[in-house]
Amino acid sequence: MTINPEEVVLPKAKRNRKEKAIGDVTSMTIPKYFKDVITGISKPVTEELLNEINLAMESRELVHLFMTGVSIVSELRHIDDLKFDETERIKAKLKNIDALLEISSKNLRMLCFQTSRSNFKT
């Protein structure tokens, strides 16, 4: 009897892996440089940063470190948005003040001109 390898169907082997729950395994590739999401500048991964990551992994708090970072970035962006809005409001107020000063200056010149003309008539 000859067996044709194309006709043979082997049953799939069932893998005996332990079911993993959230937080059981952490795998992370740390680059040599990372992009600061606030400034956009590429920065080196320092020994201090690696120690912070390792400490968080040892105490099973890596997700908390990550969430803290995300929270800080979100707050800083909100502050930047508020600063931008406040800057725009200040610019608008300064423009209004400038316009008022221009009008006042014209009115003052007109008043001075009228006063000087009335002084010539008397």
N, C-alpha and C. Protein backbone atom coordinates (compact mmCIF):
# COMPACT_ATOMS: atom_id res chain seq x y z
N MET A 1 0.84 -1.16 0.00
CA MET A 1 0.00 0.00 0.00
C MET A 1 0.89 1.23 0.00
N THR A 2 0.58 2.14 -0.90
CA THR A 2 1.33 3.39 -1.02
C THR A 2 0.49 4.52 -0.47
N ILE A 3 1.11 5.36 0.32
CA ILE A 3 0.41 6.52 0.91
C ILE A 3 0.84 7.77 0.17
N ASN A 4 -0.13 8.50 -0.33
CA ASN A 4 0.14 9.78 -0.99
C ASN A 4 0.13 10.87 0.08
N PRO A 5 1.27 11.61 0.22
CA PRO A 5 1.34 12.63 1.29
C PRO A 5 0.29 13.72 1.15
N GLU A 6 -0.17 13.98 -0.07
CA GLU A 6 -1.18 15.02 -0.27
C GLU A 6 -2.55 14.60 0.26
N GLU A 7 -2.76 13.32 0.39
CA GLU A 7 -4.05 12.82 0.84
C GLU A 7 -4.12 12.68 2.36
N VAL A 8 -3.00 12.75 3.00
CA VAL A 8 -2.98 12.55 4.45
C VAL A 8 -3.38 13.85 5.15
N VAL A 9 -4.38 13.76 5.99
CA VAL A 9 -4.81 14.92 6.79
C VAL A 9 -4.53 14.58 8.24
N LEU A 10 -3.62 15.32 8.80
CA LEU A 10 -3.28 15.08 10.21
C LEU A 10 -4.18 15.93 11.10
N PRO A 11 -4.61 15.37 12.20
CA PRO A 11 -5.44 16.17 13.11
C PRO A 11 -4.58 17.29 13.73
N LYS A 12 -5.23 18.44 13.93
CA LYS A 12 -4.51 19.56 14.53
C LYS A 12 -4.23 19.23 15.98
N ALA A 13 -2.99 19.48 16.34
CA ALA A 13 -2.61 19.22 17.73
C ALA A 13 -3.18 20.32 18.62
N LYS A 14 -3.79 19.94 19.69
CA LYS A 14 -4.33 20.91 20.61
C LYS A 14 -3.21 21.39 21.52
N ARG A 15 -3.10 22.69 21.60
CA ARG A 15 -2.06 23.28 22.45
C ARG A 15 -2.56 23.33 23.88
N ASN A 16 -1.72 22.93 24.76
CA ASN A 16 -2.07 22.95 26.17
C ASN A 16 -1.48 24.19 26.84
N ARG A 17 -2.04 25.33 26.49
CA ARG A 17 -1.56 26.57 27.10
C ARG A 17 -2.51 26.98 28.21
N LYS A 18 -1.91 27.53 29.22
CA LYS A 18 -2.70 28.05 30.32
C LYS A 18 -3.40 29.32 29.85
N GLU A 19 -4.66 29.46 30.15
CA GLU A 19 -5.38 30.68 29.81
C GLU A 19 -4.76 31.84 30.59
N LYS A 20 -4.55 32.94 29.89
CA LYS A 20 -3.93 34.10 30.51
C LYS A 20 -5.01 35.11 30.89
N ALA A 21 -4.91 35.61 32.06
CA ALA A 21 -5.82 36.67 32.51
C ALA A 21 -5.13 38.01 32.28
N ILE A 22 -5.92 39.06 32.31
CA ILE A 22 -5.35 40.39 32.12
C ILE A 22 -4.31 40.65 33.21
N GLY A 23 -3.15 41.11 32.81
CA GLY A 23 -2.11 41.44 33.77
C GLY A 23 -1.14 40.32 34.07
N ASP A 24 -1.39 39.12 33.51
CA ASP A 24 -0.48 38.00 33.79
C ASP A 24 0.87 38.16 33.10
N VAL A 25 0.86 38.71 31.90
CA VAL A 25 2.08 38.79 31.12
C VAL A 25 2.22 40.21 30.58
N THR A 26 3.42 40.75 30.72
CA THR A 26 3.69 42.07 30.16
C THR A 26 4.88 41.94 29.24
N SER A 27 4.70 42.34 27.99
CA SER A 27 5.78 42.33 27.03
C SER A 27 5.86 43.71 26.42
N MET A 28 7.07 44.26 26.42
CA MET A 28 7.21 45.62 25.93
C MET A 28 8.59 45.78 25.31
N THR A 29 8.62 46.36 24.13
CA THR A 29 9.90 46.65 23.48
C THR A 29 10.24 48.10 23.76
N ILE A 30 11.36 48.32 24.39
CA ILE A 30 11.78 49.68 24.73
C ILE A 30 12.77 50.14 23.66
N PRO A 31 12.45 51.23 22.96
CA PRO A 31 13.38 51.74 21.95
C PRO A 31 14.53 52.50 22.59
N LYS A 32 15.54 52.83 21.82
CA LYS A 32 16.65 53.64 22.34
C LYS A 32 16.23 55.10 22.44
N TYR A 33 15.30 55.51 21.56
CA TYR A 33 14.77 56.88 21.56
C TYR A 33 13.26 56.82 21.51
N PHE A 34 12.61 57.82 22.06
CA PHE A 34 11.16 57.92 21.97
C PHE A 34 10.79 59.35 21.62
N LYS A 35 9.62 59.49 21.01
CA LYS A 35 9.14 60.82 20.63
C LYS A 35 8.28 61.36 21.76
N ASP A 36 8.69 62.50 22.31
CA ASP A 36 7.92 63.17 23.35
C ASP A 36 6.63 63.68 22.70
N VAL A 37 5.47 63.20 23.15
CA VAL A 37 4.21 63.56 22.50
C VAL A 37 3.80 64.99 22.77
N ILE A 38 4.40 65.63 23.76
CA ILE A 38 4.07 67.03 24.06
C ILE A 38 4.88 67.96 23.18
N THR A 39 6.19 67.73 23.10
CA THR A 39 7.06 68.63 22.34
C THR A 39 7.32 68.14 20.93
N GLY A 40 7.16 66.84 20.68
CA GLY A 40 7.45 66.27 19.36
C GLY A 40 8.93 66.00 19.17
N ILE A 41 9.73 66.22 20.20
CA ILE A 41 11.18 66.04 20.13
C ILE A 41 11.54 64.60 20.48
N SER A 42 12.48 64.04 19.72
CA SER A 42 12.98 62.69 20.00
C SER A 42 13.97 62.77 21.17
N LYS A 43 13.75 61.90 22.16
CA LYS A 43 14.59 61.91 23.36
C LYS A 43 15.15 60.50 23.60
N PRO A 44 16.33 60.42 24.20
CA PRO A 44 16.87 59.09 24.50
C PRO A 44 16.17 58.48 25.71
N VAL A 45 16.09 57.15 25.71
CA VAL A 45 15.57 56.44 26.87
C VAL A 45 16.73 56.34 27.86
N THR A 46 16.61 57.06 28.95
CA THR A 46 17.69 57.12 29.93
C THR A 46 17.60 55.96 30.91
N GLU A 47 18.65 55.78 31.65
CA GLU A 47 18.69 54.75 32.68
C GLU A 47 17.60 55.01 33.73
N GLU A 48 17.37 56.28 34.02
CA GLU A 48 16.34 56.66 34.99
C GLU A 48 14.95 56.22 34.51
N LEU A 49 14.67 56.42 33.22
CA LEU A 49 13.38 55.99 32.68
C LEU A 49 13.25 54.47 32.72
N LEU A 50 14.32 53.78 32.36
CA LEU A 50 14.28 52.30 32.41
C LEU A 50 14.05 51.81 33.84
N ASN A 51 14.70 52.45 34.81
CA ASN A 51 14.50 52.07 36.21
C ASN A 51 13.04 52.28 36.63
N GLU A 52 12.45 53.39 36.18
CA GLU A 52 11.05 53.68 36.50
C GLU A 52 10.13 52.60 35.91
N ILE A 53 10.41 52.21 34.66
CA ILE A 53 9.61 51.17 34.01
C ILE A 53 9.77 49.83 34.73
N ASN A 54 11.02 49.47 35.06
CA ASN A 54 11.28 48.20 35.75
C ASN A 54 10.62 48.17 37.12
N LEU A 55 10.69 49.28 37.83
CA LEU A 55 10.06 49.36 39.15
C LEU A 55 8.55 49.16 39.03
N ALA A 56 7.95 49.79 38.03
CA ALA A 56 6.51 49.64 37.82
C ALA A 56 6.16 48.20 37.44
N MET A 57 7.01 47.56 36.63
CA MET A 57 6.75 46.17 36.23
C MET A 57 6.87 45.23 37.42
N GLU A 58 7.87 45.47 38.27
CA GLU A 58 8.06 44.60 39.44
C GLU A 58 6.88 44.69 40.39
N SER A 59 6.31 45.87 40.52
CA SER A 59 5.19 46.04 41.45
C SER A 59 3.84 45.89 40.75
N ARG A 60 3.87 45.41 39.50
CA ARG A 60 2.67 45.16 38.69
C ARG A 60 1.84 46.44 38.54
N GLU A 61 2.53 47.57 38.37
CA GLU A 61 1.85 48.85 38.22
C GLU A 61 2.19 49.54 36.91
N LEU A 62 2.62 48.77 35.91
CA LEU A 62 3.00 49.37 34.64
C LEU A 62 1.81 50.10 34.00
N VAL A 63 0.63 49.49 34.07
CA VAL A 63 -0.54 50.13 33.48
C VAL A 63 -0.85 51.44 34.20
N HIS A 64 -0.59 51.49 35.50
CA HIS A 64 -0.84 52.72 36.26
C HIS A 64 0.16 53.81 35.86
N LEU A 65 1.41 53.41 35.63
CA LEU A 65 2.43 54.35 35.15
C LEU A 65 2.02 54.89 33.78
N PHE A 66 1.57 54.00 32.91
CA PHE A 66 1.12 54.39 31.58
C PHE A 66 -0.08 55.35 31.66
N MET A 67 -1.07 54.99 32.48
CA MET A 67 -2.27 55.82 32.60
C MET A 67 -1.95 57.18 33.22
N THR A 68 -0.99 57.22 34.15
CA THR A 68 -0.55 58.49 34.73
C THR A 68 0.04 59.38 33.64
N GLY A 69 0.88 58.79 32.80
CA GLY A 69 1.48 59.55 31.69
C GLY A 69 0.43 60.07 30.73
N VAL A 70 -0.53 59.24 30.38
CA VAL A 70 -1.60 59.65 29.47
C VAL A 70 -2.41 60.79 30.11
N SER A 71 -2.69 60.67 31.40
CA SER A 71 -3.44 61.70 32.10
C SER A 71 -2.70 63.04 32.11
N ILE A 72 -1.39 62.99 32.36
CA ILE A 72 -0.58 64.22 32.38
C ILE A 72 -0.57 64.87 31.00
N VAL A 73 -0.38 64.08 29.96
CA VAL A 73 -0.37 64.62 28.59
C VAL A 73 -1.72 65.26 28.28
N SER A 74 -2.81 64.60 28.67
CA SER A 74 -4.15 65.14 28.42
C SER A 74 -4.34 66.47 29.14
N GLU A 75 -3.91 66.55 30.40
CA GLU A 75 -4.03 67.79 31.17
C GLU A 75 -3.19 68.90 30.56
N LEU A 76 -1.97 68.58 30.12
CA LEU A 76 -1.11 69.59 29.52
C LEU A 76 -1.70 70.11 28.21
N ARG A 77 -2.28 69.23 27.42
CA ARG A 77 -2.92 69.68 26.18
C ARG A 77 -4.10 70.59 26.48
N HIS A 78 -4.85 70.25 27.53
CA HIS A 78 -5.99 71.09 27.93
C HIS A 78 -5.49 72.47 28.37
N ILE A 79 -4.41 72.50 29.12
CA ILE A 79 -3.82 73.77 29.56
C ILE A 79 -3.36 74.57 28.35
N ASP A 80 -2.72 73.90 27.38
CA ASP A 80 -2.28 74.59 26.15
C ASP A 80 -3.47 75.17 25.40
N ASP A 81 -4.58 74.41 25.33
CA ASP A 81 -5.78 74.92 24.67
C ASP A 81 -6.31 76.15 25.39
N LEU A 82 -6.32 76.10 26.74
CA LEU A 82 -6.79 77.25 27.51
C LEU A 82 -5.88 78.45 27.30
N LYS A 83 -4.54 78.19 27.26
CA LYS A 83 -3.60 79.28 27.02
C LYS A 83 -3.84 79.91 25.66
N PHE A 84 -4.09 79.08 24.63
CA PHE A 84 -4.33 79.58 23.29
C PHE A 84 -5.60 80.44 23.28
N ASP A 85 -6.68 79.92 23.91
CA ASP A 85 -7.94 80.67 23.97
C ASP A 85 -7.74 81.99 24.70
N GLU A 86 -7.02 81.95 25.82
CA GLU A 86 -6.78 83.16 26.61
C GLU A 86 -5.94 84.15 25.81
N THR A 87 -4.93 83.66 25.10
CA THR A 87 -4.09 84.53 24.26
C THR A 87 -4.93 85.21 23.19
N GLU A 88 -5.82 84.44 22.56
CA GLU A 88 -6.68 85.02 21.52
C GLU A 88 -7.61 86.08 22.11
N ARG A 89 -8.14 85.82 23.32
CA ARG A 89 -9.01 86.81 23.97
C ARG A 89 -8.23 88.08 24.31
N ILE A 90 -7.01 87.92 24.79
CA ILE A 90 -6.17 89.08 25.12
C ILE A 90 -5.87 89.88 23.86
N LYS A 91 -5.54 89.18 22.77
CA LYS A 91 -5.27 89.88 21.50
C LYS A 91 -6.50 90.68 21.06
N ALA A 92 -7.69 90.09 21.18
CA ALA A 92 -8.91 90.78 20.77
C ALA A 92 -9.14 92.02 21.65
N LYS A 93 -8.89 91.88 22.95
CA LYS A 93 -9.06 93.03 23.86
C LYS A 93 -8.06 94.13 23.53
N LEU A 94 -6.83 93.74 23.24
CA LEU A 94 -5.82 94.74 22.88
C LEU A 94 -6.19 95.45 21.58
N LYS A 95 -6.75 94.70 20.65
CA LYS A 95 -7.19 95.30 19.39
C LYS A 95 -8.30 96.32 19.65
N ASN A 96 -9.24 95.95 20.54
CA ASN A 96 -10.32 96.87 20.90
C ASN A 96 -9.77 98.11 21.60
N ILE A 97 -8.83 97.92 22.50
CA ILE A 97 -8.22 99.05 23.20
C ILE A 97 -7.50 99.95 22.21
N ASP A 98 -6.78 99.33 21.27
CA ASP A 98 -6.07 100.10 20.25
C ASP A 98 -7.06 100.94 19.43
N ALA A 99 -8.20 100.33 19.05
CA ALA A 99 -9.22 101.06 18.29
C ALA A 99 -9.79 102.20 19.11
N LEU A 100 -10.05 101.96 20.40
CA LEU A 100 -10.57 103.03 21.27
C LEU A 100 -9.57 104.16 21.42
N LEU A 101 -8.29 103.81 21.55
CA LEU A 101 -7.25 104.84 21.65
C LEU A 101 -7.18 105.66 20.36
N GLU A 102 -7.33 105.01 19.24
CA GLU A 102 -7.30 105.71 17.95
C GLU A 102 -8.47 106.69 17.86
N ILE A 103 -9.65 106.22 18.24
CA ILE A 103 -10.84 107.10 18.23
C ILE A 103 -10.64 108.25 19.20
N SER A 104 -10.17 107.96 20.40
CA SER A 104 -9.94 109.00 21.41
C SER A 104 -8.91 110.00 20.92
N SER A 105 -7.88 109.51 20.27
CA SER A 105 -6.84 110.39 19.76
C SER A 105 -7.41 111.31 18.69
N LYS A 106 -8.23 110.78 17.80
CA LYS A 106 -8.86 111.61 16.77
C LYS A 106 -9.78 112.66 17.40
N ASN A 107 -10.57 112.21 18.39
CA ASN A 107 -11.48 113.15 19.08
C ASN A 107 -10.70 114.23 19.81
N LEU A 108 -9.59 113.85 20.43
CA LEU A 108 -8.77 114.82 21.15
C LEU A 108 -8.16 115.82 20.18
N ARG A 109 -7.68 115.34 19.03
CA ARG A 109 -7.12 116.26 18.03
C ARG A 109 -8.20 117.22 17.52
N MET A 110 -9.40 116.69 17.30
CA MET A 110 -10.50 117.53 16.83
C MET A 110 -10.86 118.57 17.89
N LEU A 111 -10.89 118.16 19.15
CA LEU A 111 -11.20 119.08 20.24
C LEU A 111 -10.12 120.16 20.34
N CYS A 112 -8.88 119.76 20.23
CA CYS A 112 -7.77 120.73 20.28
C CYS A 112 -7.86 121.70 19.10
N PHE A 113 -8.20 121.17 17.93
CA PHE A 113 -8.32 122.02 16.75
C PHE A 113 -9.46 123.02 16.92
N GLN A 114 -10.62 122.54 17.42
CA GLN A 114 -11.76 123.42 17.64
C GLN A 114 -11.43 124.47 18.70
N THR A 115 -10.73 124.07 19.75
CA THR A 115 -10.36 125.00 20.82
C THR A 115 -9.41 126.06 20.28
N SER A 116 -8.45 125.65 19.47
CA SER A 116 -7.49 126.61 18.93
C SER A 116 -8.18 127.56 17.95
N ARG A 117 -9.13 127.10 17.18
CA ARG A 117 -9.87 127.97 16.25
C ARG A 117 -10.73 128.96 17.02
N SER A 118 -11.33 128.50 18.12
CA SER A 118 -12.17 129.41 18.91
C SER A 118 -11.29 130.47 19.60
N ASN A 119 -10.05 130.11 19.94
CA ASN A 119 -9.14 131.06 20.58
C ASN A 119 -8.72 132.13 19.58
N PHE A 120 -8.63 131.77 18.30
CA PHE A 120 -8.25 132.76 17.29
C PHE A 120 -9.37 133.76 17.03
N LYS A 121 -10.63 133.35 17.17
CA LYS A 121 -11.76 134.21 16.90
C LYS A 121 -11.95 135.26 17.99
N THR A 122 -11.53 134.99 19.19
CA THR A 122 -11.77 135.93 20.28
C THR A 122 -10.72 136.98 20.37
